[in-house]
């Protein structure tokens, strides 16, 4: 199944990451696809990424640390050859990021003092 979140679905590089090991995203990578991963990490877990890495769309030290934290929080480990999480975005990691981003996109919630408004893709809002 292809990536479905608005953030990832139109990115051919990340679609490749979902299905082929050669498209793993690793430290040193750079481009829009890295920036999309950075946005997801910040959005989903509030993880901090260096402003310079964000501006350059570069997978540097802070992005690697954020990926590792995301994976550790969810126990994303390919047990066929790993015993612990690493800082590489591969098939399992991009799938988890995509699934969580899809859910976040579907249920944006804003709370005020007396109202909860949920935003979804079908309508502008509900009260």
PDB file of N, CA and C in Angstrom:
ATOM      1  N   UNK A   1       0.852  -1.176   0.000  1.00  0.00           N
ATOM      2  CA  UNK A   1       0.000   0.000   0.000  1.00  0.00           C
ATOM      3  C   UNK A   1       0.901   1.243   0.000  1.00  0.00           C
ATOM      4  N   UNK A   2       0.636   2.202  -0.854  1.00  0.00           N
ATOM      5  CA  UNK A   2       1.467   3.413  -0.917  1.00  0.00           C
ATOM      6  C   UNK A   2       1.248   4.315   0.299  1.00  0.00           C
ATOM      7  N   UNK A   3       2.145   5.285   0.430  1.00  0.00           N
ATOM      8  CA  UNK A   3       1.994   6.288   1.480  1.00  0.00           C
ATOM      9  C   UNK A   3       0.721   7.079   1.217  1.00  0.00           C
ATOM     10  N   UNK A   4      -0.012   7.418   2.287  1.00  0.00           N
ATOM     11  CA  UNK A   4      -1.323   8.039   2.116  1.00  0.00           C
ATOM     12  C   UNK A   4      -1.463   9.424   2.737  1.00  0.00           C
ATOM     13  N   UNK A   5      -0.587   9.809   3.643  1.00  0.00           N
ATOM     14  CA  UNK A   5      -0.734  11.120   4.278  1.00  0.00           C
ATOM     15  C   UNK A   5      -0.476  12.225   3.258  1.00  0.00           C
ATOM     16  N   UNK A   6      -1.089  13.365   3.473  1.00  0.00           N
ATOM     17  CA  UNK A   6      -0.868  14.508   2.583  1.00  0.00           C
ATOM     18  C   UNK A   6       0.600  14.896   2.549  1.00  0.00           C
ATOM     19  N   UNK A   7       1.267  14.764   3.673  1.00  0.00           N
ATOM     20  CA  UNK A   7       2.671  15.156   3.764  1.00  0.00           C
ATOM     21  C   UNK A   7       3.569  14.287   2.895  1.00  0.00           C
ATOM     22  N   UNK A   8       3.289  12.999   2.804  1.00  0.00           N
ATOM     23  CA  UNK A   8       4.197  12.062   2.136  1.00  0.00           C
ATOM     24  C   UNK A   8       3.728  11.524   0.791  1.00  0.00           C
ATOM     25  N   UNK A   9       2.445  11.504   0.515  1.00  0.00           N
ATOM     26  CA  UNK A   9       1.932  10.725  -0.617  1.00  0.00           C
ATOM     27  C   UNK A   9       2.426  11.165  -1.986  1.00  0.00           C
ATOM     28  N   UNK A  10       2.764  12.432  -2.157  1.00  0.00           N
ATOM     29  CA  UNK A  10       3.197  12.909  -3.470  1.00  0.00           C
ATOM     30  C   UNK A  10       4.717  12.927  -3.633  1.00  0.00           C
ATOM     31  N   UNK A  11       5.436  12.333  -2.706  1.00  0.00           N
ATOM     32  CA  UNK A  11       6.896  12.338  -2.752  1.00  0.00           C
ATOM     33  C   UNK A  11       7.405  10.977  -3.246  1.00  0.00           C
ATOM     34  N   UNK A  12       7.872  10.945  -4.484  1.00  0.00           N
ATOM     35  CA  UNK A  12       8.324   9.689  -5.097  1.00  0.00           C
ATOM     36  C   UNK A  12       9.496   9.075  -4.338  1.00  0.00           C
ATOM     37  N   UNK A  13      10.371   9.906  -3.819  1.00  0.00           N
ATOM     38  CA  UNK A  13      11.537   9.398  -3.073  1.00  0.00           C
ATOM     39  C   UNK A  13      11.085   8.643  -1.824  1.00  0.00           C
ATOM     40  N   UNK A  14      10.115   9.191  -1.095  1.00  0.00           N
ATOM     41  CA  UNK A  14       9.617   8.526   0.109  1.00  0.00           C
ATOM     42  C   UNK A  14       8.762   7.313  -0.233  1.00  0.00           C
ATOM     43  N   UNK A  15       8.046   7.367  -1.352  1.00  0.00           N
ATOM     44  CA  UNK A  15       7.323   6.170  -1.809  1.00  0.00           C
ATOM     45  C   UNK A  15       8.325   5.041  -2.059  1.00  0.00           C
ATOM     46  N   UNK A  16       9.470   5.384  -2.631  1.00  0.00           N
ATOM     47  CA  UNK A  16      10.521   4.395  -2.847  1.00  0.00           C
ATOM     48  C   UNK A  16      11.057   3.830  -1.547  1.00  0.00           C
ATOM     49  N   UNK A  17      11.198   4.687  -0.549  1.00  0.00           N
ATOM     50  CA  UNK A  17      11.680   4.269   0.769  1.00  0.00           C
ATOM     51  C   UNK A  17      10.764   3.216   1.385  1.00  0.00           C
ATOM     52  N   UNK A  18       9.495   3.297   1.073  1.00  0.00           N
ATOM     53  CA  UNK A  18       8.518   2.354   1.613  1.00  0.00           C
ATOM     54  C   UNK A  18       8.700   0.938   1.064  1.00  0.00           C
ATOM     55  N   UNK A  19       9.278   0.820  -0.134  1.00  0.00           N
ATOM     56  CA  UNK A  19       9.317  -0.492  -0.791  1.00  0.00           C
ATOM     57  C   UNK A  19      10.713  -1.036  -1.107  1.00  0.00           C
ATOM     58  N   UNK A  20      11.736  -0.191  -1.107  1.00  0.00           N
ATOM     59  CA  UNK A  20      13.068  -0.672  -1.482  1.00  0.00           C
ATOM     60  C   UNK A  20      14.132  -0.172  -0.514  1.00  0.00           C
ATOM     61  N   UNK A  21      14.973  -1.093  -0.055  1.00  0.00           N
ATOM     62  CA  UNK A  21      16.030  -0.746   0.894  1.00  0.00           C
ATOM     63  C   UNK A  21      16.996   0.297   0.343  1.00  0.00           C
ATOM     64  N   UNK A  22      17.226   0.292  -0.946  1.00  0.00           N
ATOM     65  CA  UNK A  22      18.185   1.246  -1.514  1.00  0.00           C
ATOM     66  C   UNK A  22      17.737   2.695  -1.349  1.00  0.00           C
ATOM     67  N   UNK A  23      16.463   2.920  -1.014  1.00  0.00           N
ATOM     68  CA  UNK A  23      15.945   4.271  -0.829  1.00  0.00           C
ATOM     69  C   UNK A  23      15.846   4.669   0.644  1.00  0.00           C
ATOM     70  N   UNK A  24      16.471   3.886   1.533  1.00  0.00           N
ATOM     71  CA  UNK A  24      16.518   4.294   2.940  1.00  0.00           C
ATOM     72  C   UNK A  24      17.034   5.728   3.029  1.00  0.00           C
ATOM     73  N   UNK A  25      16.531   6.469   3.989  1.00  0.00           N
ATOM     74  CA  UNK A  25      16.973   7.851   4.206  1.00  0.00           C
ATOM     75  C   UNK A  25      17.929   7.822   5.393  1.00  0.00           C
ATOM     76  N   UNK A  26      19.149   8.287   5.156  1.00  0.00           N
ATOM     77  CA  UNK A  26      20.222   8.161   6.139  1.00  0.00           C
ATOM     78  C   UNK A  26      20.893   9.506   6.406  1.00  0.00           C
ATOM     79  N   UNK A  27      21.626   9.600   7.516  1.00  0.00           N
ATOM     80  CA  UNK A  27      22.371  10.833   7.779  1.00  0.00           C
ATOM     81  C   UNK A  27      23.222  11.219   6.574  1.00  0.00           C
ATOM     82  N   UNK A  28      23.201  12.502   6.270  1.00  0.00           N
ATOM     83  CA  UNK A  28      23.899  13.021   5.100  1.00  0.00           C
ATOM     84  C   UNK A  28      22.972  13.285   3.928  1.00  0.00           C
ATOM     85  N   UNK A  29      21.792  12.689   3.934  1.00  0.00           N
ATOM     86  CA  UNK A  29      20.806  12.923   2.869  1.00  0.00           C
ATOM     87  C   UNK A  29      20.309  14.366   2.943  1.00  0.00           C
ATOM     88  N   UNK A  30      19.839  14.880   1.818  1.00  0.00           N
ATOM     89  CA  UNK A  30      19.294  16.238   1.799  1.00  0.00           C
ATOM     90  C   UNK A  30      18.258  16.355   0.692  1.00  0.00           C
ATOM     91  N   UNK A  31      17.260  17.189   0.936  1.00  0.00           N
ATOM     92  CA  UNK A  31      16.234  17.438  -0.065  1.00  0.00           C
ATOM     93  C   UNK A  31      14.865  17.602   0.560  1.00  0.00           C
ATOM     94  N   UNK A  32      13.880  17.840  -0.292  1.00  0.00           N
ATOM     95  CA  UNK A  32      12.511  18.026   0.187  1.00  0.00           C
ATOM     96  C   UNK A  32      12.015  16.816   0.973  1.00  0.00           C
ATOM     97  N   UNK A  33      12.393  15.622   0.540  1.00  0.00           N
ATOM     98  CA  UNK A  33      11.944  14.413   1.231  1.00  0.00           C
ATOM     99  C   UNK A  33      12.457  14.370   2.672  1.00  0.00           C
ATOM    100  N   UNK A  34      13.663  14.875   2.914  1.00  0.00           N
ATOM    101  CA  UNK A  34      14.197  14.953   4.283  1.00  0.00           C
ATOM    102  C   UNK A  34      13.385  15.958   5.086  1.00  0.00           C
ATOM    103  N   UNK A  35      13.074  17.083   4.466  1.00  0.00           N
ATOM    104  CA  UNK A  35      12.293  18.110   5.165  1.00  0.00           C
ATOM    105  C   UNK A  35      10.915  17.579   5.566  1.00  0.00           C
ATOM    106  N   UNK A  36      10.309  16.777   4.728  1.00  0.00           N
ATOM    107  CA  UNK A  36       9.005  16.189   5.064  1.00  0.00           C
ATOM    108  C   UNK A  36       9.122  15.290   6.303  1.00  0.00           C
ATOM    109  N   UNK A  37      10.182  14.517   6.370  1.00  0.00           N
ATOM    110  CA  UNK A  37      10.420  13.674   7.545  1.00  0.00           C
ATOM    111  C   UNK A  37      10.621  14.545   8.778  1.00  0.00           C
ATOM    112  N   UNK A  38      11.394  15.610   8.642  1.00  0.00           N
ATOM    113  CA  UNK A  38      11.632  16.521   9.764  1.00  0.00           C
ATOM    114  C   UNK A  38      10.325  17.120  10.269  1.00  0.00           C
ATOM    115  N   UNK A  39       9.476  17.552   9.359  1.00  0.00           N
ATOM    116  CA  UNK A  39       8.177  18.129   9.736  1.00  0.00           C
ATOM    117  C   UNK A  39       7.353  17.105  10.506  1.00  0.00           C
ATOM    118  N   UNK A  40       7.321  15.880  10.027  1.00  0.00           N
ATOM    119  CA  UNK A  40       6.545  14.833  10.701  1.00  0.00           C
ATOM    120  C   UNK A  40       7.069  14.577  12.110  1.00  0.00           C
ATOM    121  N   UNK A  41       8.370  14.504  12.267  1.00  0.00           N
ATOM    122  CA  UNK A  41       8.957  14.261  13.588  1.00  0.00           C
ATOM    123  C   UNK A  41       8.601  15.373  14.567  1.00  0.00           C
ATOM    124  N   UNK A  42       8.634  16.605  14.089  1.00  0.00           N
ATOM    125  CA  UNK A  42       8.282  17.737  14.957  1.00  0.00           C
ATOM    126  C   UNK A  42       6.791  17.740  15.261  1.00  0.00           C
ATOM    127  N   UNK A  43       5.981  17.469  14.267  1.00  0.00           N
ATOM    128  CA  UNK A  43       4.523  17.477  14.425  1.00  0.00           C
ATOM    129  C   UNK A  43       4.042  16.354  15.342  1.00  0.00           C
ATOM    130  N   UNK A  44       4.551  15.169  15.138  1.00  0.00           N
ATOM    131  CA  UNK A  44       4.036  14.001  15.859  1.00  0.00           C
ATOM    132  C   UNK A  44       4.556  13.883  17.289  1.00  0.00           C
ATOM    133  N   UNK A  45       5.833  14.193  17.481  1.00  0.00           N
ATOM    134  CA  UNK A  45       6.436  13.991  18.801  1.00  0.00           C
ATOM    135  C   UNK A  45       7.022  15.259  19.410  1.00  0.00           C
ATOM    136  N   UNK A  46       6.917  16.378  18.708  1.00  0.00           N
ATOM    137  CA  UNK A  46       7.491  17.610  19.232  1.00  0.00           C
ATOM    138  C   UNK A  46       9.007  17.550  19.336  1.00  0.00           C
ATOM    139  N   UNK A  47       9.627  16.734  18.499  1.00  0.00           N
ATOM    140  CA  UNK A  47      11.075  16.572  18.559  1.00  0.00           C
ATOM    141  C   UNK A  47      11.770  17.795  17.981  1.00  0.00           C
ATOM    142  N   UNK A  48      12.917  18.116  18.542  1.00  0.00           N
ATOM    143  CA  UNK A  48      13.656  19.316  18.144  1.00  0.00           C
ATOM    144  C   UNK A  48      14.667  18.978  17.062  1.00  0.00           C
ATOM    145  N   UNK A  49      14.679  19.832  16.048  1.00  0.00           N
ATOM    146  CA  UNK A  49      15.638  19.674  14.962  1.00  0.00           C
ATOM    147  C   UNK A  49      16.312  21.016  14.750  1.00  0.00           C
ATOM    148  N   UNK A  50      17.614  20.988  14.584  1.00  0.00           N
ATOM    149  CA  UNK A  50      18.428  22.183  14.417  1.00  0.00           C
ATOM    150  C   UNK A  50      17.915  23.045  13.262  1.00  0.00           C
ATOM    151  N   UNK A  51      17.837  24.355  13.502  1.00  0.00           N
ATOM    152  CA  UNK A  51      17.324  25.285  12.486  1.00  0.00           C
ATOM    153  C   UNK A  51      18.142  25.229  11.201  1.00  0.00           C
ATOM    154  N   UNK A  52      19.437  25.045  11.319  1.00  0.00           N
ATOM    155  CA  UNK A  52      20.286  24.948  10.133  1.00  0.00           C
ATOM    156  C   UNK A  52      19.970  23.719   9.295  1.00  0.00           C
ATOM    157  N   UNK A  53      19.689  22.609   9.963  1.00  0.00           N
ATOM    158  CA  UNK A  53      19.309  21.393   9.242  1.00  0.00           C
ATOM    159  C   UNK A  53      17.967  21.580   8.554  1.00  0.00           C
ATOM    160  N   UNK A  54      17.036  22.239   9.253  1.00  0.00           N
ATOM    161  CA  UNK A  54      15.723  22.492   8.651  1.00  0.00           C
ATOM    162  C   UNK A  54      15.849  23.376   7.419  1.00  0.00           C
ATOM    163  N   UNK A  55      16.605  24.451   7.540  1.00  0.00           N
ATOM    164  CA  UNK A  55      16.756  25.390   6.422  1.00  0.00           C
ATOM    165  C   UNK A  55      17.418  24.716   5.219  1.00  0.00           C
ATOM    166  N   UNK A  56      18.387  23.843   5.486  1.00  0.00           N
ATOM    167  CA  UNK A  56      19.110  23.157   4.410  1.00  0.00           C
ATOM    168  C   UNK A  56      18.412  21.879   3.956  1.00  0.00           C
ATOM    169  N   UNK A  57      17.335  21.495   4.680  1.00  0.00           N
ATOM    170  CA  UNK A  57      16.632  20.239   4.397  1.00  0.00           C
ATOM    171  C   UNK A  57      17.621  19.072   4.421  1.00  0.00           C
ATOM    172  N   UNK A  58      18.482  19.101   5.458  1.00  0.00           N
ATOM    173  CA  UNK A  58      19.583  18.154   5.572  1.00  0.00           C
ATOM    174  C   UNK A  58      19.388  17.221   6.760  1.00  0.00           C
ATOM    175  N   UNK A  59      19.689  15.957   6.561  1.00  0.00           N
ATOM    176  CA  UNK A  59      19.596  14.922   7.586  1.00  0.00           C
ATOM    177  C   UNK A  59      20.910  14.929   8.368  1.00  0.00           C
ATOM    178  N   UNK A  60      20.966  15.815   9.344  1.00  0.00           N
ATOM    179  CA  UNK A  60      22.165  15.940  10.162  1.00  0.00           C
ATOM    180  C   UNK A  60      22.009  15.274  11.513  1.00  0.00           C
ATOM    181  N   UNK A  61      22.840  15.695  12.444  1.00  0.00           N
ATOM    182  CA  UNK A  61      22.901  15.084  13.769  1.00  0.00           C
ATOM    183  C   UNK A  61      21.588  15.168  14.528  1.00  0.00           C
ATOM    184  N   UNK A  62      20.947  16.337  14.508  1.00  0.00           N
ATOM    185  CA  UNK A  62      19.702  16.471  15.280  1.00  0.00           C
ATOM    186  C   UNK A  62      18.544  15.718  14.623  1.00  0.00           C
ATOM    187  N   UNK A  63      18.533  15.639  13.299  1.00  0.00           N
ATOM    188  CA  UNK A  63      17.507  14.847  12.616  1.00  0.00           C
ATOM    189  C   UNK A  63      17.707  13.366  12.935  1.00  0.00           C
ATOM    190  N   UNK A  64      18.951  12.916  12.910  1.00  0.00           N
ATOM    191  CA  UNK A  64      19.252  11.522  13.242  1.00  0.00           C
ATOM    192  C   UNK A  64      18.816  11.201  14.671  1.00  0.00           C
ATOM    193  N   UNK A  65      19.063  12.121  15.593  1.00  0.00           N
ATOM    194  CA  UNK A  65      18.655  11.908  16.989  1.00  0.00           C
ATOM    195  C   UNK A  65      17.135  11.853  17.108  1.00  0.00           C
ATOM    196  N   UNK A  66      16.445  12.698  16.342  1.00  0.00           N
ATOM    197  CA  UNK A  66      14.976  12.704  16.369  1.00  0.00           C
ATOM    198  C   UNK A  66      14.413  11.403  15.791  1.00  0.00           C
ATOM    199  N   UNK A  67      14.993  10.924  14.703  1.00  0.00           N
ATOM    200  CA  UNK A  67      14.556   9.650  14.114  1.00  0.00           C
ATOM    201  C   UNK A  67      14.765   8.517  15.118  1.00  0.00           C
ATOM    202  N   UNK A  68      15.922   8.489  15.750  1.00  0.00           N
ATOM    203  CA  UNK A  68      16.203   7.450  16.737  1.00  0.00           C
ATOM    204  C   UNK A  68      15.200   7.506  17.885  1.00  0.00           C
ATOM    205  N   UNK A  69      14.902   8.706  18.376  1.00  0.00           N
ATOM    206  CA  UNK A  69      13.940   8.849  19.474  1.00  0.00           C
ATOM    207  C   UNK A  69      12.550   8.372  19.049  1.00  0.00           C
ATOM    208  N   UNK A  70      12.118   8.772  17.851  1.00  0.00           N
ATOM    209  CA  UNK A  70      10.825   8.335  17.319  1.00  0.00           C
ATOM    210  C   UNK A  70      10.758   6.810  17.290  1.00  0.00           C
ATOM    211  N   UNK A  71      11.806   6.179  16.779  1.00  0.00           N
ATOM    212  CA  UNK A  71      11.830   4.722  16.657  1.00  0.00           C
ATOM    213  C   UNK A  71      11.892   4.037  18.019  1.00  0.00           C
ATOM    214  N   UNK A  72      12.660   4.594  18.934  1.00  0.00           N
ATOM    215  CA  UNK A  72      12.736   4.015  20.277  1.00  0.00           C
ATOM    216  C   UNK A  72      11.392   4.117  20.987  1.00  0.00           C
ATOM    217  N   UNK A  73      10.711   5.249  20.821  1.00  0.00           N
ATOM    218  CA  UNK A  73       9.405   5.440  21.460  1.00  0.00           C
ATOM    219  C   UNK A  73       8.385   4.407  20.994  1.00  0.00           C
ATOM    220  N   UNK A  74       8.570   3.867  19.804  1.00  0.00           N
ATOM    221  CA  UNK A  74       7.603   2.939  19.210  1.00  0.00           C
ATOM    222  C   UNK A  74       8.158   1.522  19.039  1.00  0.00           C
ATOM    223  N   UNK A  75       9.370   1.320  19.485  1.00  0.00           N
ATOM    224  CA  UNK A  75      10.041   0.028  19.345  1.00  0.00           C
ATOM    225  C   UNK A  75      10.062  -0.427  17.885  1.00  0.00           C
ATOM    226  N   UNK A  76      10.457   0.488  17.007  1.00  0.00           N
ATOM    227  CA  UNK A  76      10.586   0.157  15.586  1.00  0.00           C
ATOM    228  C   UNK A  76      11.978  -0.437  15.373  1.00  0.00           C
ATOM    229  N   UNK A  77      12.012  -1.747  15.283  1.00  0.00           N
ATOM    230  CA  UNK A  77      13.256  -2.494  15.125  1.00  0.00           C
ATOM    231  C   UNK A  77      12.975  -3.667  14.190  1.00  0.00           C
ATOM    232  N   UNK A  78      13.793  -3.831  13.170  1.00  0.00           N
ATOM    233  CA  UNK A  78      13.657  -4.998  12.300  1.00  0.00           C
ATOM    234  C   UNK A  78      14.404  -6.151  12.964  1.00  0.00           C
ATOM    235  N   UNK A  79      13.681  -6.963  13.670  1.00  0.00           N
ATOM    236  CA  UNK A  79      14.276  -8.004  14.513  1.00  0.00           C
ATOM    237  C   UNK A  79      14.975  -9.106  13.704  1.00  0.00           C
ATOM    238  N   UNK A  80      14.807  -9.099  12.387  1.00  0.00           N
ATOM    239  CA  UNK A  80      15.507 -10.104  11.586  1.00  0.00           C
ATOM    240  C   UNK A  80      17.014  -9.838  11.552  1.00  0.00           C
ATOM    241  N   UNK A  81      17.430  -8.587  11.818  1.00  0.00           N
ATOM    242  CA  UNK A  81      18.864  -8.297  11.834  1.00  0.00           C
ATOM    243  C   UNK A  81      19.264  -7.227  12.847  1.00  0.00           C
ATOM    244  N   UNK A  82      18.342  -6.710  13.639  1.00  0.00           N
ATOM    245  CA  UNK A  82      18.651  -5.672  14.619  1.00  0.00           C
ATOM    246  C   UNK A  82      18.211  -6.101  16.014  1.00  0.00           C
ATOM    247  N   UNK A  83      18.897  -5.542  17.008  1.00  0.00           N
ATOM    248  CA  UNK A  83      18.471  -5.752  18.394  1.00  0.00           C
ATOM    249  C   UNK A  83      17.987  -4.453  19.022  1.00  0.00           C
ATOM    250  N   UNK A  84      18.259  -3.323  18.349  1.00  0.00           N
ATOM    251  CA  UNK A  84      17.803  -2.032  18.848  1.00  0.00           C
ATOM    252  C   UNK A  84      17.570  -1.078  17.682  1.00  0.00           C
ATOM    253  N   UNK A  85      16.846  -0.007  17.963  1.00  0.00           N
ATOM    254  CA  UNK A  85      16.528   0.985  16.933  1.00  0.00           C
ATOM    255  C   UNK A  85      17.800   1.676  16.444  1.00  0.00           C
ATOM    256  N   UNK A  86      17.754   2.128  15.192  1.00  0.00           N
ATOM    257  CA  UNK A  86      18.846   2.918  14.628  1.00  0.00           C
ATOM    258  C   UNK A  86      18.296   4.261  14.152  1.00  0.00           C
ATOM    259  N   UNK A  87      19.136   5.057  13.502  1.00  0.00           N
ATOM    260  CA  UNK A  87      18.717   6.394  13.065  1.00  0.00           C
ATOM    261  C   UNK A  87      18.438   6.463  11.562  1.00  0.00           C
ATOM    262  N   UNK A  88      18.063   5.348  10.983  1.00  0.00           N
ATOM    263  CA  UNK A  88      17.776   5.269   9.547  1.00  0.00           C
ATOM    264  C   UNK A  88      16.267   5.213   9.326  1.00  0.00           C
ATOM    265  N   UNK A  89      15.798   5.969   8.342  1.00  0.00           N
ATOM    266  CA  UNK A  89      14.387   5.890   7.956  1.00  0.00           C
ATOM    267  C   UNK A  89      14.289   4.876   6.824  1.00  0.00           C
ATOM    268  N   UNK A  90      13.761   3.713   7.171  1.00  0.00           N
ATOM    269  CA  UNK A  90      13.541   2.647   6.202  1.00  0.00           C
ATOM    270  C   UNK A  90      12.056   2.369   6.064  1.00  0.00           C
ATOM    271  N   UNK A  91      11.752   1.187   5.572  1.00  0.00           N
ATOM    272  CA  UNK A  91      10.358   0.809   5.294  1.00  0.00           C
ATOM    273  C   UNK A  91       9.454   0.922   6.516  1.00  0.00           C
ATOM    274  N   UNK A  92       9.886   0.341   7.630  1.00  0.00           N
ATOM    275  CA  UNK A  92       9.046   0.337   8.831  1.00  0.00           C
ATOM    276  C   UNK A  92       8.857   1.748   9.390  1.00  0.00           C
ATOM    277  N   UNK A  93       9.915   2.542   9.352  1.00  0.00           N
ATOM    278  CA  UNK A  93       9.858   3.892   9.922  1.00  0.00           C
ATOM    279  C   UNK A  93       8.985   4.808   9.081  1.00  0.00           C
ATOM    280  N   UNK A  94       9.160   4.785   7.762  1.00  0.00           N
ATOM    281  CA  UNK A  94       8.341   5.665   6.924  1.00  0.00           C
ATOM    282  C   UNK A  94       6.883   5.240   6.987  1.00  0.00           C
ATOM    283  N   UNK A  95       6.623   3.938   7.109  1.00  0.00           N
ATOM    284  CA  UNK A  95       5.237   3.468   7.241  1.00  0.00           C
ATOM    285  C   UNK A  95       4.616   3.982   8.537  1.00  0.00           C
ATOM    286  N   UNK A  96       5.376   3.947   9.631  1.00  0.00           N
ATOM    287  CA  UNK A  96       4.863   4.440  10.916  1.00  0.00           C
ATOM    288  C   UNK A  96       4.642   5.947  10.879  1.00  0.00           C
ATOM    289  N   UNK A  97       5.597   6.681  10.319  1.00  0.00           N
ATOM    290  CA  UNK A  97       5.437   8.135  10.195  1.00  0.00           C
ATOM    291  C   UNK A  97       4.198   8.470   9.367  1.00  0.00           C
ATOM    292  N   UNK A  98       4.031   7.771   8.251  1.00  0.00           N
ATOM    293  CA  UNK A  98       2.897   8.025   7.369  1.00  0.00           C
ATOM    294  C   UNK A  98       1.571   7.734   8.056  1.00  0.00           C
ATOM    295  N   UNK A  99       1.481   6.604   8.725  1.00  0.00           N
ATOM    296  CA  UNK A  99       0.229   6.227   9.394  1.00  0.00           C
ATOM    297  C   UNK A  99      -0.140   7.245  10.469  1.00  0.00           C
ATOM    298  N   UNK A 100       0.842   7.668  11.243  1.00  0.00           N
ATOM    299  CA  UNK A 100       0.555   8.644  12.297  1.00  0.00           C
ATOM    300  C   UNK A 100       0.233  10.024  11.724  1.00  0.00           C
ATOM    301  N   UNK A 101       0.911  10.414  10.644  1.00  0.00           N
ATOM    302  CA  UNK A 101       0.592  11.697  10.010  1.00  0.00           C
ATOM    303  C   UNK A 101      -0.805  11.664   9.415  1.00  0.00           C
ATOM    304  N   UNK A 102      -1.180  10.558   8.800  1.00  0.00           N
ATOM    305  CA  UNK A 102      -2.520  10.424   8.235  1.00  0.00           C
ATOM    306  C   UNK A 102      -3.563  10.612   9.328  1.00  0.00           C
ATOM    307  N   UNK A 103      -3.358   9.972  10.453  1.00  0.00           N
ATOM    308  CA  UNK A 103      -4.290  10.105  11.576  1.00  0.00           C
ATOM    309  C   UNK A 103      -4.322  11.545  12.090  1.00  0.00           C
ATOM    310  N   UNK A 104      -3.170  12.175  12.192  1.00  0.00           N
ATOM    311  CA  UNK A 104      -3.112  13.567  12.656  1.00  0.00           C
ATOM    312  C   UNK A 104      -3.828  14.499  11.680  1.00  0.00           C
ATOM    313  N   UNK A 105      -3.650  14.258  10.394  1.00  0.00           N
ATOM    314  CA  UNK A 105      -4.311  15.084   9.384  1.00  0.00           C
ATOM    315  C   UNK A 105      -5.828  14.914   9.430  1.00  0.00           C
ATOM    316  N   UNK A 106      -6.273  13.732   9.737  1.00  0.00           N
ATOM    317  CA  UNK A 106      -7.716  13.450   9.782  1.00  0.00           C
ATOM    318  C   UNK A 106      -8.387  14.046  11.012  1.00  0.00           C
ATOM    319  N   UNK A 107      -7.665  14.201  12.068  1.00  0.00           N
ATOM    320  CA  UNK A 107      -8.308  14.633  13.310  1.00  0.00           C
ATOM    321  C   UNK A 107      -7.567  15.778  13.986  1.00  0.00           C
ATOM    322  N   UNK A 108      -7.457  16.854  13.292  1.00  0.00           N
ATOM    323  CA  UNK A 108      -6.903  18.066  13.899  1.00  0.00           C
ATOM    324  C   UNK A 108      -7.937  18.588  14.881  1.00  0.00           C
ATOM    325  N   UNK A 109      -7.538  18.794  16.105  1.00  0.00           N
ATOM    326  CA  UNK A 109      -8.474  19.255  17.121  1.00  0.00           C
ATOM    327  C   UNK A 109      -7.956  20.522  17.771  1.00  0.00           C
ATOM    328  N   UNK A 110      -8.841  21.497  17.884  1.00  0.00           N
ATOM    329  CA  UNK A 110      -8.531  22.744  18.568  1.00  0.00           C
ATOM    330  C   UNK A 110      -9.503  22.879  19.719  1.00  0.00           C
ATOM    331  N   UNK A 111      -8.969  23.112  20.904  1.00  0.00           N
ATOM    332  CA  UNK A 111      -9.820  23.227  22.080  1.00  0.00           C
ATOM    333  C   UNK A 111      -9.813  24.667  22.566  1.00  0.00           C
ATOM    334  N   UNK A 112     -11.008  25.226  22.790  1.00  0.00           N
ATOM    335  CA  UNK A 112     -11.117  26.534  23.427  1.00  0.00           C
ATOM    336  C   UNK A 112     -11.729  26.311  24.797  1.00  0.00           C
ATOM    337  N   UNK A 113     -12.114  27.362  25.469  1.00  0.00           N
ATOM    338  CA  UNK A 113     -12.649  27.231  26.828  1.00  0.00           C
ATOM    339  C   UNK A 113     -13.889  26.344  26.889  1.00  0.00           C
ATOM    340  N   UNK A 114     -14.788  26.471  25.934  1.00  0.00           N
ATOM    341  CA  UNK A 114     -16.043  25.721  26.026  1.00  0.00           C
ATOM    342  C   UNK A 114     -16.357  24.878  24.800  1.00  0.00           C
ATOM    343  N   UNK A 115     -15.550  24.959  23.777  1.00  0.00           N
ATOM    344  CA  UNK A 115     -15.848  24.235  22.543  1.00  0.00           C
ATOM    345  C   UNK A 115     -14.652  23.407  22.105  1.00  0.00           C
ATOM    346  N   UNK A 116     -14.940  22.295  21.491  1.00  0.00           N
ATOM    347  CA  UNK A 116     -13.914  21.503  20.826  1.00  0.00           C
ATOM    348  C   UNK A 116     -14.295  21.467  19.357  1.00  0.00           C
ATOM    349  N   UNK A 117     -13.404  21.912  18.514  1.00  0.00           N
ATOM    350  CA  UNK A 117     -13.645  21.915  17.074  1.00  0.00           C
ATOM    351  C   UNK A 117     -12.701  20.900  16.438  1.00  0.00           C
ATOM    352  N   UNK A 118     -13.236  19.981  15.668  1.00  0.00           N
ATOM    353  CA  UNK A 118     -12.421  19.000  14.957  1.00  0.00           C
ATOM    354  C   UNK A 118     -12.449  19.322  13.477  1.00  0.00           C
ATOM    355  N   UNK A 119     -11.278  19.381  12.877  1.00  0.00           N
ATOM    356  CA  UNK A 119     -11.165  19.673  11.461  1.00  0.00           C
ATOM    357  C   UNK A 119     -10.843  18.388  10.729  1.00  0.00           C
ATOM    358  N   UNK A 120     -11.503  18.179   9.603  1.00  0.00           N
ATOM    359  CA  UNK A 120     -11.189  17.006   8.816  1.00  0.00           C
ATOM    360  C   UNK A 120     -11.158  17.392   7.348  1.00  0.00           C
ATOM    361  N   UNK A 121     -10.883  16.428   6.492  1.00  0.00           N
ATOM    362  CA  UNK A 121     -10.745  16.715   5.072  1.00  0.00           C
ATOM    363  C   UNK A 121     -12.088  16.898   4.373  1.00  0.00           C
ATOM    364  N   UNK A 122     -13.165  16.415   4.949  1.00  0.00           N
ATOM    365  CA  UNK A 122     -14.456  16.465   4.282  1.00  0.00           C
ATOM    366  C   UNK A 122     -15.168  17.799   4.461  1.00  0.00           C
ATOM    367  N   UNK A 123     -14.968  18.432   5.589  1.00  0.00           N
ATOM    368  CA  UNK A 123     -15.621  19.712   5.834  1.00  0.00           C
ATOM    369  C   UNK A 123     -14.625  20.649   6.475  1.00  0.00           C
ATOM    370  N   UNK A 124     -14.973  21.912   6.528  1.00  0.00           N
ATOM    371  CA  UNK A 124     -14.075  22.872   7.137  1.00  0.00           C
ATOM    372  C   UNK A 124     -13.969  22.655   8.636  1.00  0.00           C
ATOM    373  N   UNK A 125     -15.095  22.411   9.282  1.00  0.00           N
ATOM    374  CA  UNK A 125     -15.052  22.155  10.721  1.00  0.00           C
ATOM    375  C   UNK A 125     -16.393  21.680  11.240  1.00  0.00           C
ATOM    376  N   UNK A 126     -16.341  21.143  12.451  1.00  0.00           N
ATOM    377  CA  UNK A 126     -17.546  20.755  13.173  1.00  0.00           C
ATOM    378  C   UNK A 126     -17.433  21.334  14.573  1.00  0.00           C
ATOM    379  N   UNK A 127     -18.553  21.704  15.158  1.00  0.00           N
ATOM    380  CA  UNK A 127     -18.548  22.177  16.547  1.00  0.00           C
ATOM    381  C   UNK A 127     -19.407  21.250  17.366  1.00  0.00           C
TER     382      UNK A 127
END
